[in-house]
Amino acid sequence: MNQPTAAGDGALATMRAVVVTRPGGLDALEIKDVPVPACKPGWVRIRVKAFGVNESEVSTRKGESDAEVTYPRVPGIEGVGVVEEADEDTGLRPGQQVATMMGGMGRSFDGTYAQYVTVPAGQVIAFDTALPWDVVGALPEMFQTAYGSLTRGLDLKAGQTLLIRGGTSTVGLSAATMAKDLGATVISTTRHAERAGELRAMGVDHPVVDDGKIAEKVGDLAPQGVDAALELVGCTALPDTLGCVRVHGTVCFTGALAGGWTVPDFTPFMIPSGVRLTSYAGEAADLPARVFQQQLQAIGKGRLKVPAAKTYRGLEQVRDAQADVESGTVPGKHVVLLDD
């Protein structure tokens, strides 16, 4: 990768970044020389080492994201790297390993598809690890979402049974490995029988083939209903998922892989008597630094597994990464690794 260009006084002037100049196809992702972002008070400038490629960034490129997105825009809702510059009162120091995610990054302000990114200090997580950058780069968004869903959304406990609807998604795979590490029994779904092995490889106890109606299958495995269910498929599957849960059990709505963010003609009586329905849509602060550090250590010891799909080298391969994410043919996290 080309190095950032220095100005005459030695300060960094420009860097390479992937810019979405307009909503469109893969050709809307253009590599450009852009100014290195200034480090504002209360913000942190990070030298990006790796970043995950997510469906939300495909949506941003296609013009299907929230109204907060304006163009041109450097996408990227997550990334890992080292601190380049930070105010002393942030507690961060140059050279420190950090992760960042969410908080409007890549949407309302420029994201991580670049050599440098600046973000509010409150959405920076410091860590220390010898794991490769491409491994760490796969983690922030999916671990934050999975961890937040299991803890804040479901309050999952050891010994409980968890259903993951949408199990072969990156969040679903991450949630499975976290739940198993916690001591839960995991039932997880896939639409394709041949992918059951992928779920077992991540520690899932009972893979279930999802044909749209799984309540009876889950009932065979948990006759009283599961204690908790993580809904990642969407509102089209939600009524059936609610029917899989025991009285006083909880369903957490976190994603809509199949679309369907709303329930037409919703009535509270659609929720089975005694079943609880909640949701999760968190930010970086929902993944404490100590928890992220513990997860990195667990990966290093082989206790947690990373659902990795493929590593791409350099900004020049971002189009390939987005194409693979959009196709959905390779399960797991797609990560772009930037060279020093």
C-alpha atoms as a PDB file:
ATOM      1  CA  MET A   1       0.000   0.000   0.000  1.00  0.00           C
ATOM      2  CA  ASN A   2       1.186   3.533  -0.680  1.00  0.00           C
ATOM      3  CA  GLN A   3       2.382   5.436   2.379  1.00  0.00           C
ATOM      4  CA  PRO A   4       0.691   8.679   3.477  1.00  0.00           C
ATOM      5  CA  THR A   5       2.161  11.738   1.805  1.00  0.00           C
ATOM      6  CA  ALA A   6       3.987  14.204   4.056  1.00  0.00           C
ATOM      7  CA  ALA A   7       3.600  17.959   3.798  1.00  0.00           C
ATOM      8  CA  GLY A   8       6.617  20.221   3.636  1.00  0.00           C
ATOM      9  CA  ASP A   9       6.785  20.681   7.423  1.00  0.00           C
ATOM     10  CA  GLY A  10       6.752  16.935   7.995  1.00  0.00           C
ATOM     11  CA  ALA A  11       3.084  16.750   8.942  1.00  0.00           C
ATOM     12  CA  LEU A  12       0.943  14.155   7.216  1.00  0.00           C
ATOM     13  CA  ALA A  13      -1.021  15.810   4.409  1.00  0.00           C
ATOM     14  CA  THR A  14      -2.817  13.132   2.407  1.00  0.00           C
ATOM     15  CA  MET A  15      -3.653   9.463   2.708  1.00  0.00           C
ATOM     16  CA  ARG A  16      -5.265   6.757   0.625  1.00  0.00           C
ATOM     17  CA  ALA A  17      -8.916   6.008   1.287  1.00  0.00           C
ATOM     18  CA  VAL A  18     -11.846   4.245  -0.329  1.00  0.00           C
ATOM     19  CA  VAL A  19     -14.530   6.824  -1.044  1.00  0.00           C
ATOM     20  CA  VAL A  20     -18.151   6.251  -2.032  1.00  0.00           C
ATOM     21  CA  THR A  21     -18.651   9.183  -4.360  1.00  0.00           C
ATOM     22  CA  ARG A  22     -22.261   8.352  -5.128  1.00  0.00           C
ATOM     23  CA  PRO A  23     -24.688   5.498  -4.442  1.00  0.00           C
ATOM     24  CA  GLY A  24     -24.159   2.689  -6.915  1.00  0.00           C
ATOM     25  CA  GLY A  25     -22.450  -0.581  -7.751  1.00  0.00           C
ATOM     26  CA  LEU A  26     -18.962  -1.710  -6.867  1.00  0.00           C
ATOM     27  CA  ASP A  27     -17.536   0.928  -9.183  1.00  0.00           C
ATOM     28  CA  ALA A  28     -18.832   3.563  -6.757  1.00  0.00           C
ATOM     29  CA  LEU A  29     -15.989   2.504  -4.425  1.00  0.00           C
ATOM     30  CA  GLU A  30     -13.058   4.661  -5.554  1.00  0.00           C
ATOM     31  CA  ILE A  31      -9.551   4.814  -4.088  1.00  0.00           C
ATOM     32  CA  LYS A  32      -8.570   8.448  -3.682  1.00  0.00           C
ATOM     33  CA  ASP A  33      -5.932  10.641  -2.077  1.00  0.00           C
ATOM     34  CA  VAL A  34      -7.736  12.594   0.642  1.00  0.00           C
ATOM     35  CA  PRO A  35      -6.570  14.800   3.522  1.00  0.00           C
ATOM     36  CA  VAL A  36      -5.475  12.997   6.660  1.00  0.00           C
ATOM     37  CA  PRO A  37      -8.286  13.780   9.149  1.00  0.00           C
ATOM     38  CA  ALA A  38      -7.466  16.340  11.800  1.00  0.00           C
ATOM     39  CA  CYS A  39      -7.609  15.241  15.424  1.00  0.00           C
ATOM     40  CA  LYS A  40     -10.251  17.417  17.083  1.00  0.00           C
ATOM     41  CA  PRO A  41     -10.416  17.970  20.871  1.00  0.00           C
ATOM     42  CA  GLY A  42     -11.885  14.882  22.513  1.00  0.00           C
ATOM     43  CA  TRP A  43     -11.236  12.767  19.436  1.00  0.00           C
ATOM     44  CA  VAL A  44      -8.528  10.211  18.638  1.00  0.00           C
ATOM     45  CA  ARG A  45      -6.652   9.682  15.383  1.00  0.00           C
ATOM     46  CA  ILE A  46      -5.990   6.028  14.678  1.00  0.00           C
ATOM     47  CA  ARG A  47      -3.661   4.493  12.122  1.00  0.00           C
ATOM     48  CA  VAL A  48      -5.832   1.728  10.706  1.00  0.00           C
ATOM     49  CA  LYS A  49      -4.307  -1.742  10.571  1.00  0.00           C
ATOM     50  CA  ALA A  50      -7.389  -3.769   9.614  1.00  0.00           C
ATOM     51  CA  PHE A  51     -11.142  -3.415   9.265  1.00  0.00           C
ATOM     52  CA  GLY A  52     -14.098  -5.704   8.837  1.00  0.00           C
ATOM     53  CA  VAL A  53     -16.380  -5.425   5.830  1.00  0.00           C
ATOM     54  CA  ASN A  54     -20.064  -5.478   6.728  1.00  0.00           C
ATOM     55  CA  GLU A  55     -23.461  -5.599   5.077  1.00  0.00           C
ATOM     56  CA  SER A  56     -24.215  -2.114   6.399  1.00  0.00           C
ATOM     57  CA  GLU A  57     -21.315  -0.764   4.304  1.00  0.00           C
ATOM     58  CA  VAL A  58     -22.721  -2.489   1.247  1.00  0.00           C
ATOM     59  CA  SER A  59     -25.979  -0.685   2.018  1.00  0.00           C
ATOM     60  CA  THR A  60     -24.129   2.624   2.327  1.00  0.00           C
ATOM     61  CA  ARG A  61     -22.491   2.054  -1.050  1.00  0.00           C
ATOM     62  CA  LYS A  62     -25.838   1.227  -2.645  1.00  0.00           C
ATOM     63  CA  GLY A  63     -27.579   4.234  -1.090  1.00  0.00           C
ATOM     64  CA  GLU A  64     -29.820   2.083   1.095  1.00  0.00           C
ATOM     65  CA  SER A  65     -28.574   3.202   4.512  1.00  0.00           C
ATOM     66  CA  ASP A  66     -30.116   5.644   6.940  1.00  0.00           C
ATOM     67  CA  ALA A  67     -30.733   9.258   5.978  1.00  0.00           C
ATOM     68  CA  GLU A  68     -27.696  10.326   8.025  1.00  0.00           C
ATOM     69  CA  VAL A  69     -25.360   9.165   5.224  1.00  0.00           C
ATOM     70  CA  THR A  70     -24.143  11.877   2.873  1.00  0.00           C
ATOM     71  CA  TYR A  71     -21.784  11.556  -0.073  1.00  0.00           C
ATOM     72  CA  PRO A  72     -18.904  11.528  -0.726  1.00  0.00           C
ATOM     73  CA  ARG A  73     -18.228   9.311   2.259  1.00  0.00           C
ATOM     74  CA  VAL A  74     -15.418   7.018   3.447  1.00  0.00           C
ATOM     75  CA  PRO A  75     -17.327   3.949   4.687  1.00  0.00           C
ATOM     76  CA  GLY A  76     -16.332   1.602   7.486  1.00  0.00           C
ATOM     77  CA  ILE A  77     -18.193   1.082  10.772  1.00  0.00           C
ATOM     78  CA  GLU A  78     -15.332  -0.692  12.579  1.00  0.00           C
ATOM     79  CA  GLY A  79     -11.572  -0.985  12.611  1.00  0.00           C
ATOM     80  CA  VAL A  80      -8.466  -1.757  14.649  1.00  0.00           C
ATOM     81  CA  GLY A  81      -5.085  -0.082  14.707  1.00  0.00           C
ATOM     82  CA  VAL A  82      -2.788   2.061  16.814  1.00  0.00           C
ATOM     83  CA  VAL A  83      -3.264   5.505  18.303  1.00  0.00           C
ATOM     84  CA  GLU A  84      -1.550   8.183  16.234  1.00  0.00           C
ATOM     85  CA  GLU A  85      -2.699  11.216  18.219  1.00  0.00           C
ATOM     86  CA  ALA A  86      -4.927  11.790  21.238  1.00  0.00           C
ATOM     87  CA  ASP A  87      -5.523  14.364  23.954  1.00  0.00           C
ATOM     88  CA  GLU A  88      -3.860  13.500  27.246  1.00  0.00           C
ATOM     89  CA  ASP A  89      -7.166  13.525  29.086  1.00  0.00           C
ATOM     90  CA  THR A  90      -8.452  10.642  26.934  1.00  0.00           C
ATOM     91  CA  GLY A  91      -6.083   8.267  28.717  1.00  0.00           C
ATOM     92  CA  LEU A  92      -4.857   6.990  25.358  1.00  0.00           C
ATOM     93  CA  ARG A  93      -1.257   7.192  24.218  1.00  0.00           C
ATOM     94  CA  PRO A  94       0.405   7.077  20.782  1.00  0.00           C
ATOM     95  CA  GLY A  95       1.212   3.530  19.692  1.00  0.00           C
ATOM     96  CA  GLN A  96      -1.489   1.946  21.847  1.00  0.00           C
ATOM     97  CA  GLN A  97      -3.515  -0.838  20.238  1.00  0.00           C
ATOM     98  CA  VAL A  98      -7.168   0.136  19.914  1.00  0.00           C
ATOM     99  CA  ALA A  99     -10.463  -0.859  18.337  1.00  0.00           C
ATOM    100  CA  THR A 100     -13.337   1.393  17.319  1.00  0.00           C
ATOM    101  CA  MET A 101     -16.815   0.837  15.981  1.00  0.00           C
ATOM    102  CA  MET A 102     -20.244   2.312  15.338  1.00  0.00           C
ATOM    103  CA  GLY A 103     -21.217   5.746  16.681  1.00  0.00           C
ATOM    104  CA  GLY A 104     -21.981   7.171  13.237  1.00  0.00           C
ATOM    105  CA  MET A 105     -18.562   6.265  11.869  1.00  0.00           C
ATOM    106  CA  GLY A 106     -18.691   5.574   8.153  1.00  0.00           C
ATOM    107  CA  ARG A 107     -22.104   7.216   7.954  1.00  0.00           C
ATOM    108  CA  SER A 108     -22.298  10.666   9.510  1.00  0.00           C
ATOM    109  CA  PHE A 109     -18.504  11.009   9.484  1.00  0.00           C
ATOM    110  CA  ASP A 110     -15.737   9.218   7.581  1.00  0.00           C
ATOM    111  CA  GLY A 111     -14.929   5.659   8.550  1.00  0.00           C
ATOM    112  CA  THR A 112     -12.179   3.076   8.509  1.00  0.00           C
ATOM    113  CA  TYR A 113     -11.761   2.274   4.794  1.00  0.00           C
ATOM    114  CA  ALA A 114      -8.630   4.433   4.978  1.00  0.00           C
ATOM    115  CA  GLN A 115      -5.111   4.636   6.342  1.00  0.00           C
ATOM    116  CA  TYR A 116      -6.282   6.912   9.173  1.00  0.00           C
ATOM    117  CA  VAL A 117      -9.568   7.579  10.946  1.00  0.00           C
ATOM    118  CA  THR A 118     -10.545  10.019  13.684  1.00  0.00           C
ATOM    119  CA  VAL A 119     -13.253   9.104  16.170  1.00  0.00           C
ATOM    120  CA  PRO A 120     -14.619  10.334  19.511  1.00  0.00           C
ATOM    121  CA  ALA A 121     -12.546   8.971  22.386  1.00  0.00           C
ATOM    122  CA  GLY A 122     -15.667   7.440  23.903  1.00  0.00           C
ATOM    123  CA  GLN A 123     -15.914   4.865  21.120  1.00  0.00           C
ATOM    124  CA  VAL A 124     -12.310   3.678  21.387  1.00  0.00           C
ATOM    125  CA  ILE A 125     -11.427   0.412  23.163  1.00  0.00           C
ATOM    126  CA  ALA A 126      -7.792  -0.096  24.164  1.00  0.00           C
ATOM    127  CA  PHE A 127      -6.306  -3.592  24.250  1.00  0.00           C
ATOM    128  CA  ASP A 128      -3.009  -5.460  24.257  1.00  0.00           C
ATOM    129  CA  THR A 129      -2.527  -8.608  22.194  1.00  0.00           C
ATOM    130  CA  ALA A 130      -0.067 -10.492  20.038  1.00  0.00           C
ATOM    131  CA  LEU A 131      -2.853 -11.849  17.826  1.00  0.00           C
ATOM    132  CA  PRO A 132      -2.476 -10.946  14.114  1.00  0.00           C
ATOM    133  CA  TRP A 133      -4.211  -7.765  12.970  1.00  0.00           C
ATOM    134  CA  ASP A 134      -6.483  -9.629  10.583  1.00  0.00           C
ATOM    135  CA  VAL A 135      -7.784 -11.757  13.473  1.00  0.00           C
ATOM    136  CA  VAL A 136      -8.393  -8.746  15.723  1.00  0.00           C
ATOM    137  CA  GLY A 137      -9.892  -6.834  12.800  1.00  0.00           C
ATOM    138  CA  ALA A 138     -12.659  -9.417  12.498  1.00  0.00           C
ATOM    139  CA  LEU A 139     -13.897  -8.852  16.023  1.00  0.00           C
ATOM    140  CA  PRO A 140     -15.151  -5.388  17.073  1.00  0.00           C
ATOM    141  CA  GLU A 141     -18.601  -5.063  15.510  1.00  0.00           C
ATOM    142  CA  MET A 142     -19.634  -8.710  15.650  1.00  0.00           C
ATOM    143  CA  PHE A 143     -18.286  -9.253  19.186  1.00  0.00           C
ATOM    144  CA  GLN A 144     -19.907  -6.047  20.447  1.00  0.00           C
ATOM    145  CA  THR A 145     -23.254  -7.009  18.904  1.00  0.00           C
ATOM    146  CA  ALA A 146     -23.109 -10.615  20.070  1.00  0.00           C
ATOM    147  CA  TYR A 147     -21.928  -9.731  23.578  1.00  0.00           C
ATOM    148  CA  GLY A 148     -24.465  -6.929  23.980  1.00  0.00           C
ATOM    149  CA  SER A 149     -27.289  -9.161  22.780  1.00  0.00           C
ATOM    150  CA  LEU A 150     -26.401 -11.986  25.172  1.00  0.00           C
ATOM    151  CA  THR A 151     -25.818  -9.752  28.198  1.00  0.00           C
ATOM    152  CA  ARG A 152     -27.889  -6.590  27.954  1.00  0.00           C
ATOM    153  CA  GLY A 153     -30.515  -8.098  25.658  1.00  0.00           C
ATOM    154  CA  LEU A 154     -30.948 -11.562  27.159  1.00  0.00           C
ATOM    155  CA  ASP A 155     -29.041 -11.672  30.467  1.00  0.00           C
ATOM    156  CA  LEU A 156     -27.995 -15.200  29.496  1.00  0.00           C
ATOM    157  CA  LYS A 157     -26.766 -17.411  32.340  1.00  0.00           C
ATOM    158  CA  ALA A 158     -24.724 -20.599  32.571  1.00  0.00           C
ATOM    159  CA  GLY A 159     -26.893 -23.667  32.279  1.00  0.00           C
ATOM    160  CA  GLN A 160     -29.577 -21.977  30.184  1.00  0.00           C
ATOM    161  CA  THR A 161     -30.592 -22.934  26.651  1.00  0.00           C
ATOM    162  CA  LEU A 162     -30.168 -20.371  23.876  1.00  0.00           C
ATOM    163  CA  LEU A 163     -31.765 -20.393  20.426  1.00  0.00           C
ATOM    164  CA  ILE A 164     -29.943 -18.394  17.736  1.00  0.00           C
ATOM    165  CA  ARG A 165     -32.179 -17.685  14.737  1.00  0.00           C
ATOM    166  CA  GLY A 166     -29.776 -16.844  11.876  1.00  0.00           C
ATOM    167  CA  GLY A 167     -26.913 -18.893  13.221  1.00  0.00           C
ATOM    168  CA  THR A 168     -24.513 -18.819  10.275  1.00  0.00           C
ATOM    169  CA  SER A 169     -24.285 -15.003  10.276  1.00  0.00           C
ATOM    170  CA  THR A 170     -21.138 -13.513  11.786  1.00  0.00           C
ATOM    171  CA  VAL A 171     -23.052 -12.316  14.842  1.00  0.00           C
ATOM    172  CA  GLY A 172     -24.775 -15.685  15.127  1.00  0.00           C
ATOM    173  CA  LEU A 173     -21.492 -17.576  15.010  1.00  0.00           C
ATOM    174  CA  SER A 174     -19.910 -15.200  17.531  1.00  0.00           C
ATOM    175  CA  ALA A 175     -22.891 -15.488  19.855  1.00  0.00           C
ATOM    176  CA  ALA A 176     -22.660 -19.278  19.724  1.00  0.00           C
ATOM    177  CA  THR A 177     -19.025 -19.392  20.751  1.00  0.00           C
ATOM    178  CA  MET A 178     -19.596 -16.813  23.531  1.00  0.00           C
ATOM    179  CA  ALA A 179     -22.652 -18.648  24.842  1.00  0.00           C
ATOM    180  CA  LYS A 180     -20.789 -21.946  24.921  1.00  0.00           C
ATOM    181  CA  ASP A 181     -17.907 -20.290  26.771  1.00  0.00           C
ATOM    182  CA  LEU A 182     -20.472 -19.015  29.287  1.00  0.00           C
ATOM    183  CA  GLY A 183     -21.804 -22.540  29.811  1.00  0.00           C
ATOM    184  CA  ALA A 184     -25.078 -22.412  27.882  1.00  0.00           C
ATOM    185  CA  THR A 185     -26.599 -25.046  25.608  1.00  0.00           C
ATOM    186  CA  VAL A 186     -26.916 -23.650  22.088  1.00  0.00           C
ATOM    187  CA  ILE A 187     -29.506 -24.401  19.413  1.00  0.00           C
ATOM    188  CA  SER A 188     -28.730 -22.565  16.188  1.00  0.00           C
ATOM    189  CA  THR A 189     -30.418 -22.393  12.801  1.00  0.00           C
ATOM    190  CA  THR A 190     -29.323 -22.506   9.196  1.00  0.00           C
ATOM    191  CA  ARG A 191     -31.422 -22.562   6.037  1.00  0.00           C
ATOM    192  CA  HIS A 192     -29.052 -25.072   4.419  1.00  0.00           C
ATOM    193  CA  ALA A 193     -28.567 -28.564   5.843  1.00  0.00           C
ATOM    194  CA  GLU A 194     -25.043 -28.763   4.435  1.00  0.00           C
ATOM    195  CA  ARG A 195     -23.990 -25.891   6.707  1.00  0.00           C
ATOM    196  CA  ALA A 196     -24.848 -27.695   9.932  1.00  0.00           C
ATOM    197  CA  GLY A 197     -21.218 -28.744  10.191  1.00  0.00           C
ATOM    198  CA  GLU A 198     -20.156 -25.092  10.304  1.00  0.00           C
ATOM    199  CA  LEU A 199     -22.377 -24.593  13.325  1.00  0.00           C
ATOM    200  CA  ARG A 200     -21.042 -27.675  15.086  1.00  0.00           C
ATOM    201  CA  ALA A 201     -17.493 -26.469  14.445  1.00  0.00           C
ATOM    202  CA  MET A 202     -18.332 -23.308  16.428  1.00  0.00           C
ATOM    203  CA  GLY A 203     -19.595 -25.403  19.339  1.00  0.00           C
ATOM    204  CA  VAL A 204     -23.337 -25.433  18.590  1.00  0.00           C
ATOM    205  CA  ASP A 205     -24.994 -28.342  20.388  1.00  0.00           C
ATOM    206  CA  HIS A 206     -28.033 -28.664  18.119  1.00  0.00           C
ATOM    207  CA  PRO A 207     -28.045 -27.307  14.538  1.00  0.00           C
ATOM    208  CA  VAL A 208     -31.585 -26.900  13.182  1.00  0.00           C
ATOM    209  CA  VAL A 209     -32.507 -26.506   9.518  1.00  0.00           C
ATOM    210  CA  ASP A 210     -34.767 -23.471   9.240  1.00  0.00           C
ATOM    211  CA  ASP A 211     -37.635 -23.849   6.777  1.00  0.00           C
ATOM    212  CA  GLY A 212     -39.481 -20.865   8.217  1.00  0.00           C
ATOM    213  CA  LYS A 213     -41.249 -22.857  10.927  1.00  0.00           C
ATOM    214  CA  ILE A 214     -38.955 -24.252  13.613  1.00  0.00           C
ATOM    215  CA  ALA A 215     -41.045 -24.120  16.789  1.00  0.00           C
ATOM    216  CA  GLU A 216     -41.895 -27.818  16.607  1.00  0.00           C
ATOM    217  CA  LYS A 217     -38.257 -28.812  15.971  1.00  0.00           C
ATOM    218  CA  VAL A 218     -37.062 -26.680  18.860  1.00  0.00           C
ATOM    219  CA  GLY A 219     -39.824 -28.109  21.031  1.00  0.00           C
ATOM    220  CA  ASP A 220     -38.403 -31.589  20.459  1.00  0.00           C
ATOM    221  CA  LEU A 221     -35.070 -30.358  21.855  1.00  0.00           C
ATOM    222  CA  ALA A 222     -36.464 -28.166  24.641  1.00  0.00           C
ATOM    223  CA  PRO A 223     -39.990 -29.365  25.489  1.00  0.00           C
ATOM    224  CA  GLN A 224     -40.671 -26.475  27.904  1.00  0.00           C
ATOM    225  CA  GLY A 225     -39.195 -23.963  25.473  1.00  0.00           C
ATOM    226  CA  VAL A 226     -35.752 -22.373  25.401  1.00  0.00           C
ATOM    227  CA  ASP A 227     -34.709 -19.881  28.063  1.00  0.00           C
ATOM    228  CA  ALA A 228     -33.530 -17.283  25.558  1.00  0.00           C
ATOM    229  CA  ALA A 229     -33.661 -16.627  21.826  1.00  0.00           C
ATOM    230  CA  LEU A 230     -31.572 -14.282  19.705  1.00  0.00           C
ATOM    231  CA  GLU A 231     -33.516 -13.124  16.643  1.00  0.00           C
ATOM    232  CA  LEU A 232     -31.248 -12.225  13.718  1.00  0.00           C
ATOM    233  CA  VAL A 233     -33.484 -13.191  10.775  1.00  0.00           C
ATOM    234  CA  GLY A 234     -36.062 -10.436  11.229  1.00  0.00           C
ATOM    235  CA  CYS A 235     -39.709  -9.730  11.888  1.00  0.00           C
ATOM    236  CA  THR A 236     -40.830 -12.316   9.335  1.00  0.00           C
ATOM    237  CA  ALA A 237     -39.435 -15.022  11.642  1.00  0.00           C
ATOM    238  CA  LEU A 238     -40.189 -13.317  14.948  1.00  0.00           C
ATOM    239  CA  PRO A 239     -43.653 -14.803  15.648  1.00  0.00           C
ATOM    240  CA  ASP A 240     -42.286 -18.320  15.156  1.00  0.00           C
ATOM    241  CA  THR A 241     -39.253 -17.553  17.340  1.00  0.00           C
ATOM    242  CA  LEU A 242     -41.512 -16.266  20.114  1.00  0.00           C
ATOM    243  CA  GLY A 243     -43.240 -19.632  20.023  1.00  0.00           C
ATOM    244  CA  CYS A 244     -39.946 -21.377  20.829  1.00  0.00           C
ATOM    245  CA  VAL A 245     -39.478 -19.713  24.228  1.00  0.00           C
ATOM    246  CA  ARG A 246     -40.635 -20.862  27.644  1.00  0.00           C
ATOM    247  CA  VAL A 247     -42.846 -18.817  29.936  1.00  0.00           C
ATOM    248  CA  HIS A 248     -40.716 -16.000  31.409  1.00  0.00           C
ATOM    249  CA  GLY A 249     -38.078 -16.632  28.746  1.00  0.00           C
ATOM    250  CA  THR A 250     -36.804 -13.791  26.572  1.00  0.00           C
ATOM    251  CA  VAL A 251     -36.450 -13.068  22.859  1.00  0.00           C
ATOM    252  CA  CYS A 252     -33.961 -10.373  21.854  1.00  0.00           C
ATOM    253  CA  PHE A 253     -34.473  -8.807  18.423  1.00  0.00           C
ATOM    254  CA  THR A 254     -31.052  -7.731  17.131  1.00  0.00           C
ATOM    255  CA  GLY A 255     -31.037  -8.099  13.345  1.00  0.00           C
ATOM    256  CA  ALA A 256     -33.052  -8.613  10.198  1.00  0.00           C
ATOM    257  CA  LEU A 257     -30.930 -10.634   7.799  1.00  0.00           C
ATOM    258  CA  ALA A 258     -33.999 -11.402   5.713  1.00  0.00           C
ATOM    259  CA  GLY A 259     -35.305  -7.849   5.896  1.00  0.00           C
ATOM    260  CA  GLY A 260     -38.519  -7.202   7.753  1.00  0.00           C
ATOM    261  CA  TRP A 261     -37.730  -4.597  10.408  1.00  0.00           C
ATOM    262  CA  THR A 262     -41.413  -4.049  11.213  1.00  0.00           C
ATOM    263  CA  VAL A 263     -44.404  -6.270  11.951  1.00  0.00           C
ATOM    264  CA  PRO A 264     -47.497  -5.323   9.916  1.00  0.00           C
ATOM    265  CA  ASP A 265     -50.611  -4.869  12.035  1.00  0.00           C
ATOM    266  CA  PHE A 266     -48.679  -5.554  15.227  1.00  0.00           C
ATOM    267  CA  THR A 267     -50.622  -6.238  18.400  1.00  0.00           C
ATOM    268  CA  PRO A 268     -49.057  -7.103  21.780  1.00  0.00           C
ATOM    269  CA  PHE A 269     -51.227 -10.198  21.864  1.00  0.00           C
ATOM    270  CA  MET A 270     -48.943 -11.642  19.185  1.00  0.00           C
ATOM    271  CA  ILE A 271     -46.472 -12.228  22.026  1.00  0.00           C
ATOM    272  CA  PRO A 272     -47.227 -15.523  23.805  1.00  0.00           C
ATOM    273  CA  SER A 273     -48.451 -15.114  27.365  1.00  0.00           C
ATOM    274  CA  GLY A 274     -45.521 -14.755  29.769  1.00  0.00           C
ATOM    275  CA  VAL A 275     -42.824 -14.471  27.069  1.00  0.00           C
ATOM    276  CA  ARG A 276     -40.646 -11.359  27.088  1.00  0.00           C
ATOM    277  CA  LEU A 277     -39.580  -9.454  23.992  1.00  0.00           C
ATOM    278  CA  THR A 278     -36.697  -6.990  23.965  1.00  0.00           C
ATOM    279  CA  SER A 279     -34.209  -5.611  21.444  1.00  0.00           C
ATOM    280  CA  TYR A 280     -30.552  -4.674  21.169  1.00  0.00           C
ATOM    281  CA  ALA A 281     -28.868  -1.984  19.089  1.00  0.00           C
ATOM    282  CA  GLY A 282     -25.758  -0.963  20.986  1.00  0.00           C
ATOM    283  CA  GLU A 283     -22.548   0.972  20.640  1.00  0.00           C
ATOM    284  CA  ALA A 284     -18.869   0.530  21.494  1.00  0.00           C
ATOM    285  CA  ALA A 285     -19.511   1.380  25.160  1.00  0.00           C
ATOM    286  CA  ASP A 286     -21.537  -1.845  25.488  1.00  0.00           C
ATOM    287  CA  LEU A 287     -18.323  -3.857  25.040  1.00  0.00           C
ATOM    288  CA  PRO A 288     -16.141  -2.979  28.057  1.00  0.00           C
ATOM    289  CA  ALA A 289     -12.392  -2.927  27.462  1.00  0.00           C
ATOM    290  CA  ARG A 290     -11.846  -5.609  30.101  1.00  0.00           C
ATOM    291  CA  VAL A 291     -14.335  -7.893  28.348  1.00  0.00           C
ATOM    292  CA  PHE A 292     -12.717  -7.346  24.939  1.00  0.00           C
ATOM    293  CA  GLN A 293      -9.322  -8.094  26.499  1.00  0.00           C
ATOM    294  CA  GLN A 294     -10.706 -11.280  28.042  1.00  0.00           C
ATOM    295  CA  GLN A 295     -12.119 -12.322  24.670  1.00  0.00           C
ATOM    296  CA  LEU A 296      -8.742 -11.758  22.986  1.00  0.00           C
ATOM    297  CA  GLN A 297      -7.062 -13.872  25.641  1.00  0.00           C
ATOM    298  CA  ALA A 298      -9.664 -16.600  25.199  1.00  0.00           C
ATOM    299  CA  ILE A 299      -8.994 -16.612  21.442  1.00  0.00           C
ATOM    300  CA  GLY A 300      -5.269 -16.879  22.081  1.00  0.00           C
ATOM    301  CA  LYS A 301      -5.879 -19.896  24.319  1.00  0.00           C
ATOM    302  CA  GLY A 302      -8.220 -21.491  21.772  1.00  0.00           C
ATOM    303  CA  ARG A 303     -11.287 -21.240  24.021  1.00  0.00           C
ATOM    304  CA  LEU A 304     -13.128 -18.820  21.729  1.00  0.00           C
ATOM    305  CA  LYS A 305     -13.269 -19.245  17.969  1.00  0.00           C
ATOM    306  CA  VAL A 306     -13.242 -16.460  15.403  1.00  0.00           C
ATOM    307  CA  PRO A 307     -15.707 -17.016  12.536  1.00  0.00           C
ATOM    308  CA  ALA A 308     -13.323 -15.750   9.863  1.00  0.00           C
ATOM    309  CA  ALA A 309     -14.130 -15.992   6.160  1.00  0.00           C
ATOM    310  CA  LYS A 310     -11.324 -14.350   4.192  1.00  0.00           C
ATOM    311  CA  THR A 311      -8.560 -11.774   4.516  1.00  0.00           C
ATOM    312  CA  TYR A 312      -8.019  -9.205   1.764  1.00  0.00           C
ATOM    313  CA  ARG A 313      -4.775  -7.239   1.470  1.00  0.00           C
ATOM    314  CA  GLY A 314      -4.933  -3.546   0.804  1.00  0.00           C
ATOM    315  CA  LEU A 315      -7.593  -1.048  -0.159  1.00  0.00           C
ATOM    316  CA  GLU A 316      -7.366  -2.309  -3.724  1.00  0.00           C
ATOM    317  CA  GLN A 317      -9.266  -5.445  -2.654  1.00  0.00           C
ATOM    318  CA  VAL A 318     -12.164  -3.677  -0.945  1.00  0.00           C
ATOM    319  CA  ARG A 319     -14.376  -4.144  -4.001  1.00  0.00           C
ATOM    320  CA  ASP A 320     -13.685  -7.891  -3.910  1.00  0.00           C
ATOM    321  CA  ALA A 321     -14.511  -7.983  -0.202  1.00  0.00           C
ATOM    322  CA  GLN A 322     -17.818  -6.166  -0.654  1.00  0.00           C
ATOM    323  CA  ALA A 323     -18.720  -8.404  -3.584  1.00  0.00           C
ATOM    324  CA  ASP A 324     -18.122 -11.496  -1.443  1.00  0.00           C
ATOM    325  CA  VAL A 325     -20.126 -10.079   1.473  1.00  0.00           C
ATOM    326  CA  GLU A 326     -22.991  -9.226  -0.863  1.00  0.00           C
ATOM    327  CA  SER A 327     -22.992 -12.698  -2.420  1.00  0.00           C
ATOM    328  CA  GLY A 328     -23.152 -14.388   0.975  1.00  0.00           C
ATOM    329  CA  THR A 329     -21.468 -17.508  -0.371  1.00  0.00           C
ATOM    330  CA  VAL A 330     -18.574 -17.565   2.139  1.00  0.00           C
ATOM    331  CA  PRO A 331     -19.702 -17.579   5.795  1.00  0.00           C
ATOM    332  CA  GLY A 332     -17.836 -15.648   8.441  1.00  0.00           C
ATOM    333  CA  LYS A 333     -16.121 -12.298   8.707  1.00  0.00           C
ATOM    334  CA  HIS A 334     -14.399 -10.631   5.755  1.00  0.00           C
ATOM    335  CA  VAL A 335     -11.408  -8.515   6.813  1.00  0.00           C
ATOM    336  CA  VAL A 336      -9.194  -6.069   4.930  1.00  0.00           C
ATOM    337  CA  LEU A 337      -5.606  -5.931   6.193  1.00  0.00           C
ATOM    338  CA  LEU A 338      -3.603  -2.780   5.526  1.00  0.00           C
ATOM    339  CA  ASP A 339       0.149  -3.027   5.040  1.00  0.00           C
ATOM    340  CA  ASP A 340       2.545  -0.935   7.059  1.00  0.00           C
END
